[in-house]
């Protein structure tokens, strides 16, 4: 599940594997813990309103998360989406 990182998938067979789903869900939980439930819910509502039925990018989600929370979240997303291996919990 920890390799490859979800944003670094190169094999289409991995697209629906544990790395995509489980790490993606864990990333959202770590984000909720980092920004708090109030901002997390705001992020998800704005995301759904803005991109319903559209295709977009992880980078757009990161930018929206930073705008809503007022925090810099590159390290969180780098560890959970872009770096192979199990991220350390802080």
PDB file of N, CA and C in Angstrom:
ATOM      1  N   UNK A   1       0.813  -1.196   0.000  1.00  0.00           N
ATOM      2  CA  UNK A   1       0.000   0.000   0.000  1.00  0.00           C
ATOM      3  C   UNK A   1       0.862   1.268   0.000  1.00  0.00           C
ATOM      4  N   UNK A   2       2.062   1.199   0.509  1.00  0.00           N
ATOM      5  CA  UNK A   2       2.854   2.412   0.662  1.00  0.00           C
ATOM      6  C   UNK A   2       3.659   2.765  -0.574  1.00  0.00           C
ATOM      7  N   UNK A   3       3.765   1.845  -1.527  1.00  0.00           N
ATOM      8  CA  UNK A   3       4.525   2.113  -2.747  1.00  0.00           C
ATOM      9  C   UNK A   3       3.746   1.615  -3.953  1.00  0.00           C
ATOM     10  N   UNK A   4       3.651   2.372  -4.983  1.00  0.00           N
ATOM     11  CA  UNK A   4       4.132   3.739  -5.138  1.00  0.00           C
ATOM     12  C   UNK A   4       3.210   4.735  -4.433  1.00  0.00           C
ATOM     13  N   UNK A   5       3.683   5.963  -4.311  1.00  0.00           N
ATOM     14  CA  UNK A   5       2.843   7.025  -3.757  1.00  0.00           C
ATOM     15  C   UNK A   5       1.669   7.263  -4.710  1.00  0.00           C
ATOM     16  N   UNK A   6       0.489   7.607  -4.193  1.00  0.00           N
ATOM     17  CA  UNK A   6      -0.700   7.751  -5.049  1.00  0.00           C
ATOM     18  C   UNK A   6      -0.532   8.701  -6.231  1.00  0.00           C
ATOM     19  N   UNK A   7       0.161   9.789  -6.050  1.00  0.00           N
ATOM     20  CA  UNK A   7       0.334  10.746  -7.142  1.00  0.00           C
ATOM     21  C   UNK A   7       1.449  10.358  -8.103  1.00  0.00           C
ATOM     22  N   UNK A   8       2.131   9.283  -7.807  1.00  0.00           N
ATOM     23  CA  UNK A   8       3.246   8.844  -8.650  1.00  0.00           C
ATOM     24  C   UNK A   8       2.969   7.514  -9.350  1.00  0.00           C
ATOM     25  N   UNK A   9       1.706   7.141  -9.450  1.00  0.00           N
ATOM     26  CA  UNK A   9       1.357   5.875 -10.107  1.00  0.00           C
ATOM     27  C   UNK A   9       1.739   5.942 -11.579  1.00  0.00           C
ATOM     28  N   UNK A  10       2.356   4.885 -12.068  1.00  0.00           N
ATOM     29  CA  UNK A  10       2.715   4.823 -13.484  1.00  0.00           C
ATOM     30  C   UNK A  10       2.069   3.632 -14.175  1.00  0.00           C
ATOM     31  N   UNK A  11       1.677   2.637 -13.409  1.00  0.00           N
ATOM     32  CA  UNK A  11       1.057   1.436 -13.967  1.00  0.00           C
ATOM     33  C   UNK A  11      -0.456   1.553 -13.849  1.00  0.00           C
ATOM     34  N   UNK A  12      -1.188   1.550 -14.967  1.00  0.00           N
ATOM     35  CA  UNK A  12      -2.648   1.657 -14.905  1.00  0.00           C
ATOM     36  C   UNK A  12      -3.291   0.588 -14.020  1.00  0.00           C
ATOM     37  N   UNK A  13      -2.641  -0.550 -13.847  1.00  0.00           N
ATOM     38  CA  UNK A  13      -3.184  -1.606 -12.987  1.00  0.00           C
ATOM     39  C   UNK A  13      -3.239  -1.169 -11.529  1.00  0.00           C
ATOM     40  N   UNK A  14      -2.436  -0.176 -11.154  1.00  0.00           N
ATOM     41  CA  UNK A  14      -2.420   0.326  -9.778  1.00  0.00           C
ATOM     42  C   UNK A  14      -3.484   1.389  -9.503  1.00  0.00           C
ATOM     43  N   UNK A  15      -4.130   1.860 -10.549  1.00  0.00           N
ATOM     44  CA  UNK A  15      -5.061   2.976 -10.416  1.00  0.00           C
ATOM     45  C   UNK A  15      -6.150   2.728  -9.378  1.00  0.00           C
ATOM     46  N   UNK A  16      -6.646   1.521  -9.287  1.00  0.00           N
ATOM     47  CA  UNK A  16      -7.729   1.221  -8.353  1.00  0.00           C
ATOM     48  C   UNK A  16      -7.236   0.379  -7.175  1.00  0.00           C
ATOM     49  N   UNK A  17      -5.948   0.436  -6.898  1.00  0.00           N
ATOM     50  CA  UNK A  17      -5.362  -0.348  -5.815  1.00  0.00           C
ATOM     51  C   UNK A  17      -5.399   0.379  -4.485  1.00  0.00           C
ATOM     52  N   UNK A  18      -4.851  -0.278  -3.484  1.00  0.00           N
ATOM     53  CA  UNK A  18      -4.858   0.236  -2.110  1.00  0.00           C
ATOM     54  C   UNK A  18      -4.173   1.593  -1.997  1.00  0.00           C
ATOM     55  N   UNK A  19      -3.114   1.798  -2.756  1.00  0.00           N
ATOM     56  CA  UNK A  19      -2.391   3.059  -2.663  1.00  0.00           C
ATOM     57  C   UNK A  19      -3.301   4.242  -2.989  1.00  0.00           C
ATOM     58  N   UNK A  20      -4.136   4.090  -4.005  1.00  0.00           N
ATOM     59  CA  UNK A  20      -5.039   5.181  -4.389  1.00  0.00           C
ATOM     60  C   UNK A  20      -6.130   5.403  -3.363  1.00  0.00           C
ATOM     61  N   UNK A  21      -6.789   4.336  -2.984  1.00  0.00           N
ATOM     62  CA  UNK A  21      -7.952   4.481  -2.110  1.00  0.00           C
ATOM     63  C   UNK A  21      -7.598   4.659  -0.648  1.00  0.00           C
ATOM     64  N   UNK A  22      -6.774   3.788  -0.107  1.00  0.00           N
ATOM     65  CA  UNK A  22      -6.491   3.858   1.325  1.00  0.00           C
ATOM     66  C   UNK A  22      -5.615   5.060   1.675  1.00  0.00           C
ATOM     67  N   UNK A  23      -4.566   5.267   0.903  1.00  0.00           N
ATOM     68  CA  UNK A  23      -3.727   6.434   1.201  1.00  0.00           C
ATOM     69  C   UNK A  23      -4.459   7.725   0.906  1.00  0.00           C
ATOM     70  N   UNK A  24      -5.304   7.717  -0.097  1.00  0.00           N
ATOM     71  CA  UNK A  24      -6.111   8.904  -0.364  1.00  0.00           C
ATOM     72  C   UNK A  24      -7.016   9.231   0.816  1.00  0.00           C
ATOM     73  N   UNK A  25      -7.682   8.222   1.360  1.00  0.00           N
ATOM     74  CA  UNK A  25      -8.553   8.416   2.521  1.00  0.00           C
ATOM     75  C   UNK A  25      -7.741   8.837   3.744  1.00  0.00           C
ATOM     76  N   UNK A  26      -6.572   8.219   3.932  1.00  0.00           N
ATOM     77  CA  UNK A  26      -5.720   8.596   5.064  1.00  0.00           C
ATOM     78  C   UNK A  26      -5.237  10.041   4.918  1.00  0.00           C
ATOM     79  N   UNK A  27      -4.963  10.456   3.697  1.00  0.00           N
ATOM     80  CA  UNK A  27      -4.543  11.829   3.453  1.00  0.00           C
ATOM     81  C   UNK A  27      -5.627  12.803   3.878  1.00  0.00           C
ATOM     82  N   UNK A  28      -6.860  12.481   3.537  1.00  0.00           N
ATOM     83  CA  UNK A  28      -7.962  13.361   3.936  1.00  0.00           C
ATOM     84  C   UNK A  28      -8.109  13.414   5.458  1.00  0.00           C
ATOM     85  N   UNK A  29      -7.927  12.293   6.142  1.00  0.00           N
ATOM     86  CA  UNK A  29      -8.019  12.291   7.601  1.00  0.00           C
ATOM     87  C   UNK A  29      -6.888  13.104   8.231  1.00  0.00           C
ATOM     88  N   UNK A  30      -5.678  12.978   7.698  1.00  0.00           N
ATOM     89  CA  UNK A  30      -4.559  13.767   8.210  1.00  0.00           C
ATOM     90  C   UNK A  30      -4.821  15.253   7.960  1.00  0.00           C
ATOM     91  N   UNK A  31      -5.385  15.580   6.816  1.00  0.00           N
ATOM     92  CA  UNK A  31      -5.740  16.969   6.522  1.00  0.00           C
ATOM     93  C   UNK A  31      -6.768  17.474   7.537  1.00  0.00           C
ATOM     94  N   UNK A  32      -7.789  16.672   7.832  1.00  0.00           N
ATOM     95  CA  UNK A  32      -8.812  17.071   8.809  1.00  0.00           C
ATOM     96  C   UNK A  32      -8.175  17.335  10.169  1.00  0.00           C
ATOM     97  N   UNK A  33      -7.262  16.466  10.572  1.00  0.00           N
ATOM     98  CA  UNK A  33      -6.586  16.651  11.861  1.00  0.00           C
ATOM     99  C   UNK A  33      -5.727  17.919  11.856  1.00  0.00           C
ATOM    100  N   UNK A  34      -5.125  18.219  10.729  1.00  0.00           N
ATOM    101  CA  UNK A  34      -4.242  19.385  10.624  1.00  0.00           C
ATOM    102  C   UNK A  34      -5.019  20.703  10.635  1.00  0.00           C
ATOM    103  N   UNK A  35      -6.104  20.774   9.867  1.00  0.00           N
ATOM    104  CA  UNK A  35      -6.820  22.055   9.714  1.00  0.00           C
ATOM    105  C   UNK A  35      -8.034  22.179  10.619  1.00  0.00           C
ATOM    106  N   UNK A  36      -8.473  21.072  11.208  1.00  0.00           N
ATOM    107  CA  UNK A  36      -9.676  21.093  12.049  1.00  0.00           C
ATOM    108  C   UNK A  36     -10.909  20.735  11.235  1.00  0.00           C
ATOM    109  N   UNK A  37     -11.892  20.208  11.905  1.00  0.00           N
ATOM    110  CA  UNK A  37     -13.106  19.733  11.224  1.00  0.00           C
ATOM    111  C   UNK A  37     -13.872  20.847  10.527  1.00  0.00           C
ATOM    112  N   UNK A  38     -13.917  22.032  11.135  1.00  0.00           N
ATOM    113  CA  UNK A  38     -14.667  23.148  10.534  1.00  0.00           C
ATOM    114  C   UNK A  38     -14.090  23.529   9.170  1.00  0.00           C
ATOM    115  N   UNK A  39     -12.773  23.770   9.113  1.00  0.00           N
ATOM    116  CA  UNK A  39     -12.149  24.117   7.828  1.00  0.00           C
ATOM    117  C   UNK A  39     -12.165  22.936   6.863  1.00  0.00           C
ATOM    118  N   UNK A  40     -11.981  21.720   7.382  1.00  0.00           N
ATOM    119  CA  UNK A  40     -12.020  20.541   6.519  1.00  0.00           C
ATOM    120  C   UNK A  40     -13.370  20.432   5.811  1.00  0.00           C
ATOM    121  N   UNK A  41     -14.446  20.590   6.553  1.00  0.00           N
ATOM    122  CA  UNK A  41     -15.781  20.525   5.941  1.00  0.00           C
ATOM    123  C   UNK A  41     -15.990  21.643   4.938  1.00  0.00           C
ATOM    124  N   UNK A  42     -15.447  22.824   5.236  1.00  0.00           N
ATOM    125  CA  UNK A  42     -15.524  23.950   4.304  1.00  0.00           C
ATOM    126  C   UNK A  42     -14.783  23.627   3.007  1.00  0.00           C
ATOM    127  N   UNK A  43     -13.602  23.012   3.139  1.00  0.00           N
ATOM    128  CA  UNK A  43     -12.805  22.618   1.965  1.00  0.00           C
ATOM    129  C   UNK A  43     -13.608  21.656   1.088  1.00  0.00           C
ATOM    130  N   UNK A  44     -14.178  20.627   1.714  1.00  0.00           N
ATOM    131  CA  UNK A  44     -14.927  19.634   0.929  1.00  0.00           C
ATOM    132  C   UNK A  44     -16.160  20.228   0.265  1.00  0.00           C
ATOM    133  N   UNK A  45     -16.872  21.107   0.977  1.00  0.00           N
ATOM    134  CA  UNK A  45     -18.055  21.740   0.367  1.00  0.00           C
ATOM    135  C   UNK A  45     -17.661  22.611  -0.823  1.00  0.00           C
ATOM    136  N   UNK A  46     -16.635  23.426  -0.636  1.00  0.00           N
ATOM    137  CA  UNK A  46     -16.187  24.295  -1.743  1.00  0.00           C
ATOM    138  C   UNK A  46     -15.679  23.472  -2.920  1.00  0.00           C
ATOM    139  N   UNK A  47     -14.961  22.400  -2.620  1.00  0.00           N
ATOM    140  CA  UNK A  47     -14.451  21.527  -3.677  1.00  0.00           C
ATOM    141  C   UNK A  47     -15.598  20.952  -4.488  1.00  0.00           C
ATOM    142  N   UNK A  48     -16.594  20.422  -3.804  1.00  0.00           N
ATOM    143  CA  UNK A  48     -17.738  19.817  -4.494  1.00  0.00           C
ATOM    144  C   UNK A  48     -18.510  20.869  -5.290  1.00  0.00           C
ATOM    145  N   UNK A  49     -18.705  22.041  -4.723  1.00  0.00           N
ATOM    146  CA  UNK A  49     -19.428  23.107  -5.430  1.00  0.00           C
ATOM    147  C   UNK A  49     -18.673  23.566  -6.671  1.00  0.00           C
ATOM    148  N   UNK A  50     -17.370  23.707  -6.541  1.00  0.00           N
ATOM    149  CA  UNK A  50     -16.552  24.255  -7.627  1.00  0.00           C
ATOM    150  C   UNK A  50     -16.297  23.251  -8.748  1.00  0.00           C
ATOM    151  N   UNK A  51     -16.121  21.972  -8.398  1.00  0.00           N
ATOM    152  CA  UNK A  51     -15.674  21.004  -9.403  1.00  0.00           C
ATOM    153  C   UNK A  51     -16.667  19.880  -9.685  1.00  0.00           C
ATOM    154  N   UNK A  52     -17.888  20.022  -9.241  1.00  0.00           N
ATOM    155  CA  UNK A  52     -18.889  18.976  -9.498  1.00  0.00           C
ATOM    156  C   UNK A  52     -18.967  18.671 -10.995  1.00  0.00           C
ATOM    157  N   UNK A  53     -18.773  17.406 -11.335  1.00  0.00           N
ATOM    158  CA  UNK A  53     -18.863  16.967 -12.719  1.00  0.00           C
ATOM    159  C   UNK A  53     -17.681  17.359 -13.589  1.00  0.00           C
ATOM    160  N   UNK A  54     -16.627  17.899 -12.975  1.00  0.00           N
ATOM    161  CA  UNK A  54     -15.461  18.341 -13.737  1.00  0.00           C
ATOM    162  C   UNK A  54     -14.229  17.555 -13.315  1.00  0.00           C
ATOM    163  N   UNK A  55     -13.263  17.561 -14.176  1.00  0.00           N
ATOM    164  CA  UNK A  55     -11.965  16.969 -13.873  1.00  0.00           C
ATOM    165  C   UNK A  55     -11.023  18.081 -13.429  1.00  0.00           C
ATOM    166  N   UNK A  56     -10.197  17.780 -12.438  1.00  0.00           N
ATOM    167  CA  UNK A  56      -9.251  18.791 -11.955  1.00  0.00           C
ATOM    168  C   UNK A  56      -7.993  18.100 -11.448  1.00  0.00           C
ATOM    169  N   UNK A  57      -7.248  18.732 -10.578  1.00  0.00           N
ATOM    170  CA  UNK A  57      -5.952  18.186 -10.175  1.00  0.00           C
ATOM    171  C   UNK A  57      -5.776  18.172  -8.658  1.00  0.00           C
ATOM    172  N   UNK A  58      -4.811  17.384  -8.226  1.00  0.00           N
ATOM    173  CA  UNK A  58      -4.434  17.374  -6.803  1.00  0.00           C
ATOM    174  C   UNK A  58      -3.928  18.752  -6.397  1.00  0.00           C
ATOM    175  N   UNK A  59      -3.178  19.387  -7.280  1.00  0.00           N
ATOM    176  CA  UNK A  59      -2.632  20.719  -6.973  1.00  0.00           C
ATOM    177  C   UNK A  59      -3.756  21.713  -6.690  1.00  0.00           C
ATOM    178  N   UNK A  60      -4.860  21.630  -7.427  1.00  0.00           N
ATOM    179  CA  UNK A  60      -5.999  22.521  -7.184  1.00  0.00           C
ATOM    180  C   UNK A  60      -6.593  22.263  -5.800  1.00  0.00           C
ATOM    181  N   UNK A  61      -6.642  21.001  -5.388  1.00  0.00           N
ATOM    182  CA  UNK A  61      -7.160  20.664  -4.060  1.00  0.00           C
ATOM    183  C   UNK A  61      -6.230  21.200  -2.969  1.00  0.00           C
ATOM    184  N   UNK A  62      -4.941  21.100  -3.195  1.00  0.00           N
ATOM    185  CA  UNK A  62      -3.970  21.610  -2.226  1.00  0.00           C
ATOM    186  C   UNK A  62      -4.108  23.126  -2.098  1.00  0.00           C
ATOM    187  N   UNK A  63      -4.202  23.825  -3.222  1.00  0.00           N
ATOM    188  CA  UNK A  63      -4.361  25.295  -3.186  1.00  0.00           C
ATOM    189  C   UNK A  63      -5.634  25.693  -2.446  1.00  0.00           C
ATOM    190  N   UNK A  64      -6.740  25.006  -2.735  1.00  0.00           N
ATOM    191  CA  UNK A  64      -7.998  25.312  -2.056  1.00  0.00           C
ATOM    192  C   UNK A  64      -7.865  25.053  -0.556  1.00  0.00           C
ATOM    193  N   UNK A  65      -7.244  23.950  -0.189  1.00  0.00           N
ATOM    194  CA  UNK A  65      -7.053  23.616   1.226  1.00  0.00           C
ATOM    195  C   UNK A  65      -6.232  24.687   1.935  1.00  0.00           C
ATOM    196  N   UNK A  66      -5.211  25.191   1.274  1.00  0.00           N
ATOM    197  CA  UNK A  66      -4.382  26.236   1.870  1.00  0.00           C
ATOM    198  C   UNK A  66      -5.129  27.559   1.973  1.00  0.00           C
ATOM    199  N   UNK A  67      -5.922  27.873   0.968  1.00  0.00           N
ATOM    200  CA  UNK A  67      -6.710  29.114   1.014  1.00  0.00           C
ATOM    201  C   UNK A  67      -7.707  29.087   2.167  1.00  0.00           C
ATOM    202  N   UNK A  68      -8.426  27.992   2.283  1.00  0.00           N
ATOM    203  CA  UNK A  68      -9.461  27.891   3.313  1.00  0.00           C
ATOM    204  C   UNK A  68      -8.837  27.867   4.707  1.00  0.00           C
ATOM    205  N   UNK A  69      -7.783  27.092   4.877  1.00  0.00           N
ATOM    206  CA  UNK A  69      -7.189  26.925   6.207  1.00  0.00           C
ATOM    207  C   UNK A  69      -6.263  28.072   6.595  1.00  0.00           C
ATOM    208  N   UNK A  70      -5.748  28.776   5.592  1.00  0.00           N
ATOM    209  CA  UNK A  70      -4.793  29.836   5.866  1.00  0.00           C
ATOM    210  C   UNK A  70      -3.405  29.302   6.205  1.00  0.00           C
ATOM    211  N   UNK A  71      -3.196  28.008   6.007  1.00  0.00           N
ATOM    212  CA  UNK A  71      -1.913  27.390   6.334  1.00  0.00           C
ATOM    213  C   UNK A  71      -1.187  26.888   5.107  1.00  0.00           C
ATOM    214  N   UNK A  72       0.091  26.618   5.261  1.00  0.00           N
ATOM    215  CA  UNK A  72       0.916  26.060   4.205  1.00  0.00           C
ATOM    216  C   UNK A  72       0.920  24.545   4.399  1.00  0.00           C
ATOM    217  N   UNK A  73       0.403  23.802   3.420  1.00  0.00           N
ATOM    218  CA  UNK A  73       0.190  22.367   3.572  1.00  0.00           C
ATOM    219  C   UNK A  73       1.033  21.517   2.620  1.00  0.00           C
ATOM    220  N   UNK A  74       2.023  22.112   1.985  1.00  0.00           N
ATOM    221  CA  UNK A  74       2.851  21.355   1.030  1.00  0.00           C
ATOM    222  C   UNK A  74       3.503  20.134   1.669  1.00  0.00           C
ATOM    223  N   UNK A  75       4.025  20.278   2.890  1.00  0.00           N
ATOM    224  CA  UNK A  75       4.703  19.154   3.535  1.00  0.00           C
ATOM    225  C   UNK A  75       3.746  17.996   3.791  1.00  0.00           C
ATOM    226  N   UNK A  76       2.539  18.301   4.219  1.00  0.00           N
ATOM    227  CA  UNK A  76       1.533  17.264   4.474  1.00  0.00           C
ATOM    228  C   UNK A  76       1.242  16.486   3.193  1.00  0.00           C
ATOM    229  N   UNK A  77       0.930  17.199   2.131  1.00  0.00           N
ATOM    230  CA  UNK A  77       0.577  16.532   0.878  1.00  0.00           C
ATOM    231  C   UNK A  77       1.783  15.852   0.234  1.00  0.00           C
ATOM    232  N   UNK A  78       2.963  16.438   0.379  1.00  0.00           N
ATOM    233  CA  UNK A  78       4.164  15.798  -0.164  1.00  0.00           C
ATOM    234  C   UNK A  78       4.351  14.429   0.483  1.00  0.00           C
ATOM    235  N   UNK A  79       4.217  14.384   1.809  1.00  0.00           N
ATOM    236  CA  UNK A  79       4.412  13.122   2.531  1.00  0.00           C
ATOM    237  C   UNK A  79       3.338  12.094   2.194  1.00  0.00           C
ATOM    238  N   UNK A  80       2.095  12.529   2.106  1.00  0.00           N
ATOM    239  CA  UNK A  80       0.985  11.573   1.972  1.00  0.00           C
ATOM    240  C   UNK A  80       0.613  11.233   0.537  1.00  0.00           C
ATOM    241  N   UNK A  81       0.898  12.112  -0.418  1.00  0.00           N
ATOM    242  CA  UNK A  81       0.515  11.832  -1.812  1.00  0.00           C
ATOM    243  C   UNK A  81       1.691  11.610  -2.750  1.00  0.00           C
ATOM    244  N   UNK A  82       2.816  12.246  -2.477  1.00  0.00           N
ATOM    245  CA  UNK A  82       3.891  12.243  -3.463  1.00  0.00           C
ATOM    246  C   UNK A  82       5.135  11.436  -3.076  1.00  0.00           C
ATOM    247  N   UNK A  83       5.255  11.041  -1.806  1.00  0.00           N
ATOM    248  CA  UNK A  83       6.447  10.351  -1.344  1.00  0.00           C
ATOM    249  C   UNK A  83       6.163   8.875  -1.097  1.00  0.00           C
ATOM    250  N   UNK A  84       6.922   7.977  -1.713  1.00  0.00           N
ATOM    251  CA  UNK A  84       6.730   6.550  -1.436  1.00  0.00           C
ATOM    252  C   UNK A  84       7.065   6.245   0.032  1.00  0.00           C
ATOM    253  N   UNK A  85       6.498   5.197   0.534  1.00  0.00           N
ATOM    254  CA  UNK A  85       6.760   4.787   1.907  1.00  0.00           C
ATOM    255  C   UNK A  85       5.697   5.308   2.860  1.00  0.00           C
ATOM    256  N   UNK A  86       5.708   4.755   4.049  1.00  0.00           N
ATOM    257  CA  UNK A  86       4.716   5.117   5.064  1.00  0.00           C
ATOM    258  C   UNK A  86       5.090   6.455   5.701  1.00  0.00           C
ATOM    259  N   UNK A  87       4.215   7.452   5.604  1.00  0.00           N
ATOM    260  CA  UNK A  87       4.505   8.753   6.228  1.00  0.00           C
ATOM    261  C   UNK A  87       4.524   8.643   7.751  1.00  0.00           C
ATOM    262  N   UNK A  88       5.340   9.453   8.364  1.00  0.00           N
ATOM    263  CA  UNK A  88       5.386   9.510   9.824  1.00  0.00           C
ATOM    264  C   UNK A  88       4.210  10.335  10.326  1.00  0.00           C
ATOM    265  N   UNK A  89       3.597   9.877  11.383  1.00  0.00           N
ATOM    266  CA  UNK A  89       2.523  10.641  12.013  1.00  0.00           C
ATOM    267  C   UNK A  89       3.145  11.541  13.065  1.00  0.00           C
ATOM    268  N   UNK A  90       2.666  12.782  13.114  1.00  0.00           N
ATOM    269  CA  UNK A  90       3.219  13.688  14.117  1.00  0.00           C
ATOM    270  C   UNK A  90       2.206  14.007  15.180  1.00  0.00           C
TER     271      UNK A  90
END
